[in-house]
Amino acid sequence: MNMIKIAIIGIGNCASSLIQGINYYGDRGMGEAIGLMHWEIGGYRPCDIEVVAAFDVDRRKVGRDVAIAIFQKPNCTKVFQKDIPLTGVTVSMGRILDGFSEHMSHYDEKRTFLLADKEEPDKDDVVRILKESKAEILLNYLPVGSEEAVRFYAECALEAEVAFINNMPVFIASDPVWAKRFAEKNLPLIGDDVKSQLGATIIHRMMADLFKKRGVKFERTYQLNTGGNTDFLNMLNQHRLTSKRTSKTEAVQSVAAVRLDAENIHVGPSDYVA
């Protein structure tokens, strides 16, 4: 079987965990595959995924091999696979647009993004890289609130004729207009947003579902998330949170027995705690 060729936008904590995982599970059998919901899908396993292109805007990552870039600051995710062979794939400069929130420039460099002094690519440049790399799927891990930047890369995916997986809460797959455009080109479009493996939202969602199944009525609920990575630092800017709050709130509302009024449910980030 051919490898699944992916390109990644944003070489942050999520991308680091993904690439570490591809290598970690590649050295193990099914009985050792702790942490995976499915060891095999359609005959494909984690080791069948290959990163062929990558984009970022941080000067500590741009120009480096992906295998090195995933361990650069401000990444702070758990390192569970230290030995990552060089991939031969260099991280390309990405398009900034609204992907960087100005308030983040006031924090220690080990905790925030340091924008690279490189020429930003236009759509033609990104499309060319995607085509030359023979990428089949473009994964988006841009910061919450990057409305313009996500739409830019979604356009690039359409132009390059690659599938688009949107792992953050700017509504692309959920937007009928975007969904139609990808469908017309027979391109897969998946999203929007992604939950932690065992984080607050999935637990909150399961509790709401359990209450419904056991006949328990709940009238009000709230969920306050804190964290110390760039995701939470970025989300200190309240103007970037509209779609994030909608995404997380709907995850709970969708399984509740009775939909709660907006004033009776609050789900979202509350603070950055380093």
Protein backbone atom coordinates (compact mmCIF):
# COMPACT_ATOMS: atom_id res chain seq x y z
CA MET A 1 0.00 0.00 0.00
CA ASN A 2 1.12 3.55 -0.69
CA MET A 3 2.02 5.90 2.13
CA ILE A 4 -0.50 8.52 3.25
CA LYS A 5 1.27 11.79 2.43
CA ILE A 6 0.37 14.69 4.71
CA ALA A 7 1.29 18.36 4.91
CA ILE A 8 0.98 20.21 8.22
CA ILE A 9 0.20 23.86 8.95
CA GLY A 10 1.59 24.82 12.36
CA ILE A 11 4.39 22.72 13.85
CA GLY A 12 3.28 23.18 17.44
CA ASN A 13 2.40 20.83 20.27
CA CYS A 14 -0.28 18.92 18.37
CA ALA A 15 1.97 18.38 15.36
CA SER A 16 4.80 17.31 17.66
CA SER A 17 2.60 14.72 19.36
CA LEU A 18 1.35 13.48 15.99
CA ILE A 19 4.83 13.02 14.54
CA GLN A 20 6.16 11.47 17.74
CA GLY A 21 3.19 9.10 17.67
CA ILE A 22 3.79 8.04 14.08
CA ASN A 23 7.32 7.02 15.04
CA TYR A 24 6.38 5.57 18.43
CA TYR A 25 3.74 3.21 17.09
CA GLY A 26 5.88 2.31 14.10
CA ASP A 27 8.20 0.39 16.43
CA ARG A 28 5.40 -1.45 18.24
CA GLY A 29 2.80 -4.12 17.63
CA MET A 30 -0.95 -3.93 18.09
CA GLY A 31 -0.77 -5.25 21.66
CA GLU A 32 1.47 -2.34 22.64
CA ALA A 33 -0.62 0.34 20.96
CA ILE A 34 -1.76 2.07 24.14
CA GLY A 35 -3.49 5.37 23.40
CA LEU A 36 -4.91 4.50 19.99
CA MET A 37 -8.65 4.08 19.44
CA HIS A 38 -7.95 2.07 16.29
CA TRP A 39 -4.70 0.29 15.46
CA GLU A 40 -5.68 -0.11 11.81
CA ILE A 41 -8.14 1.69 9.54
CA GLY A 42 -8.74 0.39 6.04
CA GLY A 43 -5.50 -1.54 6.19
CA TYR A 44 -3.47 1.53 7.16
CA ARG A 45 -1.51 1.86 10.41
CA PRO A 46 0.22 4.88 11.99
CA CYS A 47 3.53 3.97 10.37
CA ASP A 48 1.89 4.42 6.95
CA ILE A 49 1.63 8.19 7.46
CA GLU A 50 4.41 10.31 5.96
CA VAL A 51 4.94 14.04 6.47
CA VAL A 52 5.94 15.54 3.11
CA ALA A 53 5.50 19.29 3.74
CA ALA A 54 5.21 21.63 6.72
CA PHE A 55 4.52 25.32 7.37
CA ASP A 56 5.17 27.53 10.40
CA VAL A 57 5.98 31.17 11.16
CA ASP A 58 8.32 30.79 14.17
CA ARG A 59 11.99 31.48 13.43
CA ARG A 60 13.07 28.54 15.60
CA LYS A 61 11.23 26.16 13.28
CA VAL A 62 11.29 27.66 9.79
CA GLY A 63 14.18 26.24 7.77
CA ARG A 64 14.70 23.23 10.04
CA ASP A 65 13.94 19.59 9.39
CA VAL A 66 10.51 18.69 10.75
CA ALA A 67 12.12 16.10 13.05
CA ILE A 68 14.06 18.90 14.75
CA ALA A 69 11.39 21.61 14.55
CA ILE A 70 8.87 19.64 16.62
CA PHE A 71 11.13 19.90 19.68
CA GLN A 72 11.75 23.67 19.48
CA LYS A 73 10.27 26.23 21.85
CA PRO A 74 7.60 27.24 22.56
CA ASN A 75 6.51 23.59 22.15
CA CYS A 76 6.07 22.05 25.58
CA THR A 77 4.14 18.85 24.96
CA LYS A 78 5.31 15.63 26.58
CA VAL A 79 8.21 14.00 24.75
CA PHE A 80 7.49 10.27 24.58
CA GLN A 81 9.55 9.51 21.46
CA LYS A 82 12.92 11.25 21.46
CA ASP A 83 14.45 9.46 18.50
CA ILE A 84 12.88 10.88 15.35
CA PRO A 85 14.87 10.23 12.15
CA LEU A 86 15.48 13.24 9.93
CA THR A 87 12.69 13.44 7.38
CA GLY A 88 14.35 15.50 4.67
CA VAL A 89 11.33 17.82 4.91
CA THR A 90 12.19 21.42 5.75
CA VAL A 91 9.62 23.61 7.48
CA SER A 92 8.56 26.33 5.04
CA MET A 93 7.65 29.88 6.01
CA GLY A 94 3.89 30.17 6.35
CA ARG A 95 1.44 33.01 5.84
CA ILE A 96 0.87 34.99 9.05
CA LEU A 97 -2.30 37.03 8.40
CA ASP A 98 -4.26 36.85 11.69
CA GLY A 99 -2.41 33.75 12.92
CA PHE A 100 -0.44 35.78 15.48
CA SER A 101 -2.14 37.74 18.25
CA GLU A 102 -0.24 40.92 19.13
CA HIS A 103 -0.60 40.43 22.91
CA MET A 104 1.67 37.38 22.66
CA SER A 105 4.65 39.59 21.85
CA HIS A 106 4.73 40.72 25.50
CA TYR A 107 5.64 37.32 26.94
CA ASP A 108 8.91 35.45 27.46
CA GLU A 109 10.21 34.03 24.19
CA LYS A 110 10.24 30.49 25.55
CA ARG A 111 6.45 30.72 25.98
CA THR A 112 5.40 32.58 22.84
CA PHE A 113 5.95 32.72 19.09
CA LEU A 114 8.94 34.51 17.58
CA LEU A 115 7.98 35.50 14.06
CA ALA A 116 10.53 34.59 11.41
CA ASP A 117 12.00 37.37 9.29
CA LYS A 118 11.23 35.56 6.06
CA GLU A 119 9.15 36.46 3.04
CA GLU A 120 5.65 35.14 3.44
CA PRO A 121 4.32 32.86 0.70
CA ASP A 122 1.34 33.74 -1.45
CA LYS A 123 -1.28 31.23 -2.52
CA ASP A 124 0.70 30.19 -5.58
CA ASP A 125 3.75 29.42 -3.42
CA VAL A 126 1.80 27.22 -1.01
CA VAL A 127 -0.01 25.43 -3.84
CA ARG A 128 3.32 24.78 -5.55
CA ILE A 129 4.82 23.27 -2.38
CA LEU A 130 1.77 21.06 -1.88
CA LYS A 131 1.88 19.83 -5.46
CA GLU A 132 5.64 19.28 -5.57
CA SER A 133 5.55 17.36 -2.28
CA LYS A 134 2.70 15.19 -3.63
CA ALA A 135 0.75 15.84 -0.42
CA GLU A 136 -2.67 14.22 -0.31
CA ILE A 137 -3.98 15.73 2.93
CA LEU A 138 -3.42 19.18 4.46
CA LEU A 139 -3.75 19.26 8.27
CA ASN A 140 -4.47 22.61 9.89
CA TYR A 141 -3.19 23.30 13.43
CA LEU A 142 -3.30 27.11 13.39
CA PRO A 143 -4.02 29.03 16.62
CA VAL A 144 -7.62 29.61 17.69
CA GLY A 145 -9.07 32.72 16.07
CA SER A 146 -7.00 32.55 12.87
CA GLU A 147 -10.02 33.18 10.66
CA GLU A 148 -8.23 34.73 7.67
CA ALA A 149 -5.28 32.35 7.80
CA VAL A 150 -7.46 29.23 7.88
CA ARG A 151 -9.47 30.40 4.89
CA PHE A 152 -6.24 31.16 3.04
CA TYR A 153 -4.97 27.60 3.53
CA ALA A 154 -8.39 26.11 2.73
CA GLU A 155 -8.24 27.95 -0.60
CA CYS A 156 -4.75 26.54 -1.15
CA ALA A 157 -6.02 23.02 -0.49
CA LEU A 158 -8.77 23.48 -3.07
CA GLU A 159 -6.33 24.85 -5.63
CA ALA A 160 -3.80 22.07 -5.01
CA GLU A 161 -6.62 19.49 -4.94
CA VAL A 162 -5.73 17.98 -1.57
CA ALA A 163 -8.01 16.96 1.30
CA PHE A 164 -8.31 19.39 4.22
CA ILE A 165 -8.52 18.39 7.88
CA ASN A 166 -9.32 21.39 10.06
CA ASN A 167 -8.19 20.69 13.62
CA MET A 168 -9.24 24.05 15.09
CA PRO A 169 -12.52 25.93 15.51
CA VAL A 170 -12.80 28.18 12.50
CA PHE A 171 -15.84 26.83 10.73
CA ILE A 172 -14.84 25.40 7.36
CA ALA A 173 -16.24 21.86 7.24
CA SER A 174 -19.28 23.14 9.15
CA ASP A 175 -19.89 25.87 6.58
CA PRO A 176 -22.20 24.70 3.75
CA VAL A 177 -20.46 26.98 1.25
CA TRP A 178 -17.01 25.54 1.94
CA ALA A 179 -18.41 22.01 2.15
CA LYS A 180 -19.98 22.41 -1.28
CA ARG A 181 -16.75 23.71 -2.83
CA PHE A 182 -14.76 20.72 -1.58
CA ALA A 183 -17.53 18.30 -2.59
CA GLU A 184 -17.58 19.74 -6.11
CA LYS A 185 -13.90 18.82 -6.43
CA ASN A 186 -14.49 15.43 -4.80
CA LEU A 187 -12.07 16.36 -2.00
CA PRO A 188 -12.51 15.17 1.60
CA LEU A 189 -13.13 17.94 4.14
CA ILE A 190 -13.09 17.08 7.85
CA GLY A 191 -13.52 19.29 10.92
CA ASP A 192 -13.92 21.54 12.71
CA ASP A 193 -11.80 21.47 15.88
CA VAL A 194 -10.37 18.51 17.76
CA LYS A 195 -10.78 17.36 21.37
CA SER A 196 -8.02 16.24 23.69
CA GLN A 197 -7.89 12.49 24.10
CA LEU A 198 -9.22 12.65 27.67
CA GLY A 199 -9.76 16.33 28.35
CA ALA A 200 -12.46 18.38 30.04
CA THR A 201 -14.77 18.60 27.03
CA ILE A 202 -15.06 14.87 26.36
CA ILE A 203 -15.62 14.21 30.09
CA HIS A 204 -18.25 16.98 30.24
CA ARG A 205 -19.90 15.55 27.13
CA MET A 206 -19.98 12.03 28.56
CA MET A 207 -21.49 13.29 31.82
CA ALA A 208 -24.27 15.06 29.92
CA ASP A 209 -24.93 11.90 27.93
CA LEU A 210 -24.90 9.77 31.10
CA PHE A 211 -27.42 12.08 32.79
CA LYS A 212 -29.72 11.73 29.79
CA LYS A 213 -29.47 7.94 29.78
CA ARG A 214 -30.06 7.69 33.53
CA GLY A 215 -32.98 10.10 33.62
CA VAL A 216 -31.14 12.84 35.51
CA LYS A 217 -32.07 16.41 34.64
CA PHE A 218 -29.42 19.09 34.87
CA GLU A 219 -30.40 22.74 34.64
CA ARG A 220 -27.07 24.55 34.56
CA THR A 221 -23.49 23.56 33.77
CA TYR A 222 -20.12 25.18 33.28
CA GLN A 223 -16.61 24.14 32.29
CA LEU A 224 -13.53 26.29 32.87
CA ASN A 225 -10.31 25.24 31.15
CA THR A 226 -6.83 26.39 32.14
CA GLY A 227 -3.50 25.57 30.54
CA GLY A 228 0.07 26.73 30.16
CA ASN A 229 0.86 26.31 26.47
CA THR A 230 0.65 28.73 23.53
CA ASP A 231 -2.93 27.64 22.89
CA PHE A 232 -4.07 29.11 26.20
CA LEU A 233 -1.75 32.11 25.91
CA ASN A 234 -3.28 32.89 22.52
CA MET A 235 -6.79 32.53 23.96
CA LEU A 236 -6.21 35.31 26.49
CA ASN A 237 -7.34 37.50 23.60
CA GLN A 238 -11.11 37.28 24.07
CA HIS A 239 -11.77 38.47 20.52
CA ARG A 240 -10.35 35.20 19.18
CA LEU A 241 -12.68 32.95 21.18
CA THR A 242 -16.10 33.22 19.54
CA SER A 243 -15.84 30.09 17.41
CA LYS A 244 -13.96 28.18 20.14
CA ARG A 245 -16.73 28.73 22.68
CA THR A 246 -19.34 27.75 20.10
CA SER A 247 -17.45 24.57 19.23
CA LYS A 248 -16.98 23.43 22.83
CA THR A 249 -20.49 24.42 23.92
CA GLU A 250 -22.12 22.55 21.04
CA ALA A 251 -20.11 19.43 21.92
CA VAL A 252 -22.04 19.33 25.21
CA GLN A 253 -25.38 20.67 23.97
CA SER A 254 -25.55 18.04 21.23
CA VAL A 255 -25.80 15.16 23.73
CA ALA A 256 -27.94 16.84 26.40
CA ALA A 257 -31.51 15.58 26.82
CA VAL A 258 -32.84 19.14 26.63
CA ARG A 259 -30.95 22.00 25.04
CA LEU A 260 -29.95 24.56 27.66
CA ASP A 261 -30.48 28.29 27.28
CA ALA A 262 -27.24 30.17 26.60
CA GLU A 263 -27.30 31.71 30.08
CA ASN A 264 -27.28 28.25 31.67
CA ILE A 265 -24.21 26.80 29.99
CA HIS A 266 -20.66 28.09 29.80
CA VAL A 267 -17.82 26.12 28.25
CA GLY A 268 -14.46 27.62 27.40
CA PRO A 269 -10.94 28.64 28.39
CA SER A 270 -10.68 30.77 31.51
CA ASP A 271 -7.00 31.49 32.09
CA TYR A 272 -3.38 30.94 31.10
CA VAL A 273 -1.39 29.27 33.90
CA ALA A 274 2.22 28.59 32.98
